C-alpha atoms as a PDB file:
ATOM      1  CA  UNK A   1     -22.942  -9.476  30.232  1.00  0.00           C
ATOM      2  CA  UNK A   2     -20.539 -11.762  31.671  1.00  0.00           C
ATOM      3  CA  UNK A   3     -19.489 -14.314  29.975  1.00  0.00           C
ATOM      4  CA  UNK A   4     -17.348 -17.616  30.338  1.00  0.00           C
ATOM      5  CA  UNK A   5     -14.481 -16.785  26.975  1.00  0.00           C
ATOM      6  CA  UNK A   6     -11.515 -14.954  28.506  1.00  0.00           C
ATOM      7  CA  UNK A   7     -10.104 -14.192  24.834  1.00  0.00           C
ATOM      8  CA  UNK A   8     -11.892 -11.141  24.441  1.00  0.00           C
ATOM      9  CA  UNK A   9     -10.640  -8.678  21.782  1.00  0.00           C
ATOM     10  CA  UNK A  10     -12.029  -5.263  20.540  1.00  0.00           C
ATOM     11  CA  UNK A  11     -12.894  -4.291  16.753  1.00  0.00           C
ATOM     12  CA  UNK A  12     -14.768  -3.134  14.044  1.00  0.00           C
ATOM     13  CA  UNK A  13     -17.628  -4.756  11.675  1.00  0.00           C
ATOM     14  CA  UNK A  14     -16.081  -3.931   7.764  1.00  0.00           C
ATOM     15  CA  UNK A  15     -18.151  -6.448   5.921  1.00  0.00           C
ATOM     16  CA  UNK A  16     -21.298  -9.096   6.141  1.00  0.00           C
ATOM     17  CA  UNK A  17     -22.028 -11.444   3.666  1.00  0.00           C
ATOM     18  CA  UNK A  18     -25.647 -12.836   4.000  1.00  0.00           C
ATOM     19  CA  UNK A  19     -26.801 -16.018   2.911  1.00  0.00           C
ATOM     20  CA  UNK A  20     -29.749 -17.538   2.674  1.00  0.00           C
ATOM     21  CA  UNK A  21     -30.235 -18.656   6.629  1.00  0.00           C
ATOM     22  CA  UNK A  22     -26.216 -18.109   7.550  1.00  0.00           C
ATOM     23  CA  UNK A  23     -24.058 -14.996   7.442  1.00  0.00           C
ATOM     24  CA  UNK A  24     -20.278 -14.121   7.887  1.00  0.00           C
ATOM     25  CA  UNK A  25     -18.937 -11.188   9.762  1.00  0.00           C
ATOM     26  CA  UNK A  26     -15.388  -9.929   8.996  1.00  0.00           C
ATOM     27  CA  UNK A  27     -13.923  -7.825  12.278  1.00  0.00           C
ATOM     28  CA  UNK A  28     -10.726  -5.479  12.129  1.00  0.00           C
ATOM     29  CA  UNK A  29      -8.722  -5.920  15.177  1.00  0.00           C
ATOM     30  CA  UNK A  30      -5.333  -4.340  16.513  1.00  0.00           C
ATOM     31  CA  UNK A  31      -2.948  -4.586  14.274  1.00  0.00           C
ATOM     32  CA  UNK A  32      -5.360  -4.211  10.827  1.00  0.00           C
ATOM     33  CA  UNK A  33      -6.125  -7.972  11.595  1.00  0.00           C
ATOM     34  CA  UNK A  34      -9.302  -9.425  10.365  1.00  0.00           C
ATOM     35  CA  UNK A  35     -11.324 -11.795  12.696  1.00  0.00           C
ATOM     36  CA  UNK A  36     -14.361 -14.140  11.279  1.00  0.00           C
ATOM     37  CA  UNK A  37     -17.424 -15.109  12.583  1.00  0.00           C
ATOM     38  CA  UNK A  38     -20.366 -17.135  11.087  1.00  0.00           C
ATOM     39  CA  UNK A  39     -23.860 -16.606  12.743  1.00  0.00           C
ATOM     40  CA  UNK A  40     -27.416 -17.060  11.658  1.00  0.00           C
ATOM     41  CA  UNK A  41     -29.273 -13.885  10.060  1.00  0.00           C
ATOM     42  CA  UNK A  42     -31.891 -14.037  12.871  1.00  0.00           C
ATOM     43  CA  UNK A  43     -28.739 -13.865  15.432  1.00  0.00           C
ATOM     44  CA  UNK A  44     -27.067 -10.963  13.186  1.00  0.00           C
ATOM     45  CA  UNK A  45     -30.569  -9.378  13.035  1.00  0.00           C
ATOM     46  CA  UNK A  46     -31.122  -9.279  17.013  1.00  0.00           C
ATOM     47  CA  UNK A  47     -27.706  -7.931  17.863  1.00  0.00           C
ATOM     48  CA  UNK A  48     -28.269  -5.197  15.495  1.00  0.00           C
ATOM     49  CA  UNK A  49     -24.838  -5.551  13.954  1.00  0.00           C
ATOM     50  CA  UNK A  50     -24.235  -3.693  10.571  1.00  0.00           C
ATOM     51  CA  UNK A  51     -20.914  -2.262   9.147  1.00  0.00           C
ATOM     52  CA  UNK A  52     -19.021  -0.057  11.055  1.00  0.00           C
ATOM     53  CA  UNK A  53     -20.392  -1.224  14.810  1.00  0.00           C
ATOM     54  CA  UNK A  54     -17.895  -1.441  17.365  1.00  0.00           C
ATOM     55  CA  UNK A  55     -17.934  -5.026  18.470  1.00  0.00           C
ATOM     56  CA  UNK A  56     -15.732  -7.611  20.920  1.00  0.00           C
ATOM     57  CA  UNK A  57     -14.643 -10.437  19.664  1.00  0.00           C
ATOM     58  CA  UNK A  58     -14.778 -13.006  22.017  1.00  0.00           C
ATOM     59  CA  UNK A  59     -12.711 -16.685  21.313  1.00  0.00           C
ATOM     60  CA  UNK A  60     -13.623 -20.151  23.264  1.00  0.00           C
ATOM     61  CA  UNK A  61     -12.375 -23.267  22.093  1.00  0.00           C
ATOM     62  CA  UNK A  62     -13.244 -23.290  18.027  1.00  0.00           C
ATOM     63  CA  UNK A  63     -16.494 -20.561  18.495  1.00  0.00           C
ATOM     64  CA  UNK A  64     -15.778 -17.202  17.373  1.00  0.00           C
ATOM     65  CA  UNK A  65     -18.591 -15.257  19.221  1.00  0.00           C
ATOM     66  CA  UNK A  66     -19.491 -11.387  18.439  1.00  0.00           C
ATOM     67  CA  UNK A  67     -20.662  -9.474  21.379  1.00  0.00           C
ATOM     68  CA  UNK A  68     -22.300  -5.519  20.911  1.00  0.00           C
ATOM     69  CA  UNK A  69     -22.560  -3.683  23.998  1.00  0.00           C
END
């Protein structure tokens, strides 16, 4: 998958907080730092993201997007 965001960090999903429509996904990146992303539950389910998954965090402007290969 090609994406225009140049700031990409590899990490591991360590926590998922599910709401009624949205969720918060915490990802541990290098140096034990934590990045967070908020997305719809539909997006979470379509990507199949779960705790322990390896993902790539792409940062562009104010958006934090998760990418799962």
